[in-house]
Protein backbone atom coordinates (compact mmCIF):
# COMPACT_ATOMS: atom_id res chain seq x y z
CA MET A 1 -9.90 -13.58 -39.87
CA THR A 2 -8.73 -10.73 -37.64
CA THR A 3 -5.33 -9.11 -37.72
CA GLU A 4 -3.46 -8.81 -34.44
CA PRO A 5 -2.36 -5.25 -33.56
CA SER A 6 1.30 -6.29 -33.62
CA ASP A 7 0.89 -7.73 -37.13
CA LEU A 8 -0.85 -4.57 -38.26
CA LEU A 9 1.87 -2.30 -36.87
CA THR A 10 4.69 -4.29 -38.45
CA THR A 11 2.78 -4.32 -41.74
CA ILE A 12 2.30 -0.55 -41.69
CA TYR A 13 5.75 0.19 -40.28
CA PRO A 14 7.98 -2.73 -41.37
CA SER A 15 11.16 -0.97 -40.23
CA LEU A 16 10.06 -0.75 -36.60
CA ASP A 17 12.11 -2.88 -34.25
CA GLU A 18 10.81 -4.68 -31.16
CA ILE A 19 11.77 -1.89 -28.75
CA THR A 20 9.93 0.70 -30.83
CA LEU A 21 6.81 -1.48 -30.95
CA THR A 22 7.01 -1.98 -27.19
CA GLN A 23 7.32 1.77 -26.72
CA LEU A 24 4.28 2.35 -28.97
CA TYR A 25 2.22 -0.15 -26.95
CA CYS A 26 3.37 1.53 -23.74
CA ASN A 27 2.37 4.96 -24.97
CA TYR A 28 -0.92 3.59 -26.29
CA SER A 29 -1.73 2.09 -22.88
CA SER A 30 -2.02 5.62 -21.49
CA VAL A 31 -5.19 6.07 -23.58
CA ASN A 32 -7.09 3.76 -21.22
CA ASP A 33 -5.40 5.16 -18.12
CA ASP A 34 -7.79 5.24 -15.12
CA TYR A 35 -5.82 7.96 -13.34
CA ALA A 36 -6.04 10.35 -16.27
CA VAL A 37 -9.82 10.54 -15.78
CA ASN A 38 -9.57 11.70 -12.17
CA GLY A 39 -7.95 15.14 -12.20
CA SER A 40 -8.06 15.51 -8.41
CA GLN A 41 -5.24 13.06 -7.65
CA LEU A 42 -1.52 13.53 -8.29
CA PHE A 43 0.16 10.70 -10.17
CA CYS A 44 3.00 9.88 -12.52
CA THR A 45 1.71 9.11 -15.99
CA VAL A 46 2.51 5.98 -18.02
CA ASN A 47 6.19 6.29 -18.85
CA TRP A 48 8.58 4.55 -21.26
CA ASP A 49 12.13 4.89 -19.90
CA GLY A 50 13.84 3.33 -22.90
CA VAL A 51 13.74 -0.20 -21.48
CA SER A 52 10.53 -0.71 -19.49
CA CYS A 53 6.96 0.54 -19.55
CA TRP A 54 6.02 2.01 -16.17
CA PRO A 55 2.30 2.16 -15.32
CA SER A 56 0.65 5.32 -14.04
CA THR A 57 1.14 5.42 -10.28
CA LEU A 58 -0.40 7.53 -7.54
CA ALA A 59 1.91 10.01 -5.81
CA GLY A 60 3.41 8.54 -2.64
CA SER A 61 3.25 5.00 -4.06
CA THR A 62 5.79 2.54 -5.39
CA SER A 63 5.50 1.00 -8.84
CA THR A 64 7.08 -2.33 -9.85
CA VAL A 65 7.63 -4.02 -13.21
CA PRO A 66 9.46 -7.26 -14.04
CA CYS A 67 13.12 -7.03 -14.97
CA PHE A 68 13.82 -7.43 -18.66
CA SER A 69 15.34 -10.74 -19.76
CA GLU A 70 17.92 -9.31 -22.16
CA LEU A 71 19.28 -5.91 -23.14
CA ASN A 72 21.92 -5.31 -25.82
CA GLY A 73 22.82 -9.01 -25.84
CA VAL A 74 23.29 -9.22 -22.05
CA LYS A 75 20.96 -11.59 -20.18
CA TYR A 76 19.46 -10.50 -16.83
CA ASP A 77 17.86 -12.25 -13.85
CA THR A 78 14.11 -12.04 -14.47
CA SER A 79 13.19 -13.23 -10.97
CA ASN A 80 13.70 -9.68 -9.61
CA LEU A 81 11.54 -6.58 -9.98
CA GLN A 82 12.41 -3.01 -10.89
CA TYR A 83 11.07 -0.38 -8.47
CA ARG A 84 10.15 3.28 -8.79
CA LEU A 85 9.19 5.41 -5.83
CA ILE A 86 6.82 8.21 -6.81
CA PRO A 87 7.25 11.30 -4.58
CA GLU A 88 4.18 12.56 -2.71
CA ILE A 89 4.67 16.11 -3.99
CA ILE A 90 4.65 16.40 -7.76
CA GLY A 91 4.54 19.78 -9.50
CA PRO A 92 2.03 20.29 -12.31
CA SER A 93 4.73 19.97 -14.98
CA LEU A 94 6.54 17.08 -13.29
CA LYS A 95 4.02 14.25 -13.65
CA THR A 96 6.64 11.83 -14.97
CA VAL A 97 9.37 12.64 -12.44
CA VAL A 98 10.36 9.45 -10.65
CA VAL A 99 13.16 8.14 -8.49
CA ASP A 100 14.67 4.81 -9.53
CA THR A 101 15.38 2.56 -6.57
CA ASN A 102 16.87 -0.89 -6.31
CA PRO A 103 16.01 -2.48 -2.93
């Protein structure tokens, strides 16, 4: 019988809430990040903004993630997407700088 990672995390850290677990999974996903291997391309790294996990995205591209269904007891329309436009010019210390847009 195998233990699911979520079960293991809540066993080790029983006080973690769902948002914290989601943030941990988001941060962990950067370990297998394809862009991190290629140092010749500019990109924004995997980023947790407090609500959503944004994937690594090449500079000059747009990233989308589904809208969350509920936040602080308020329900949201999940049929829409959240967008982030990644600028083409990113300084070496600004890999997570993004511009939130809502088309």
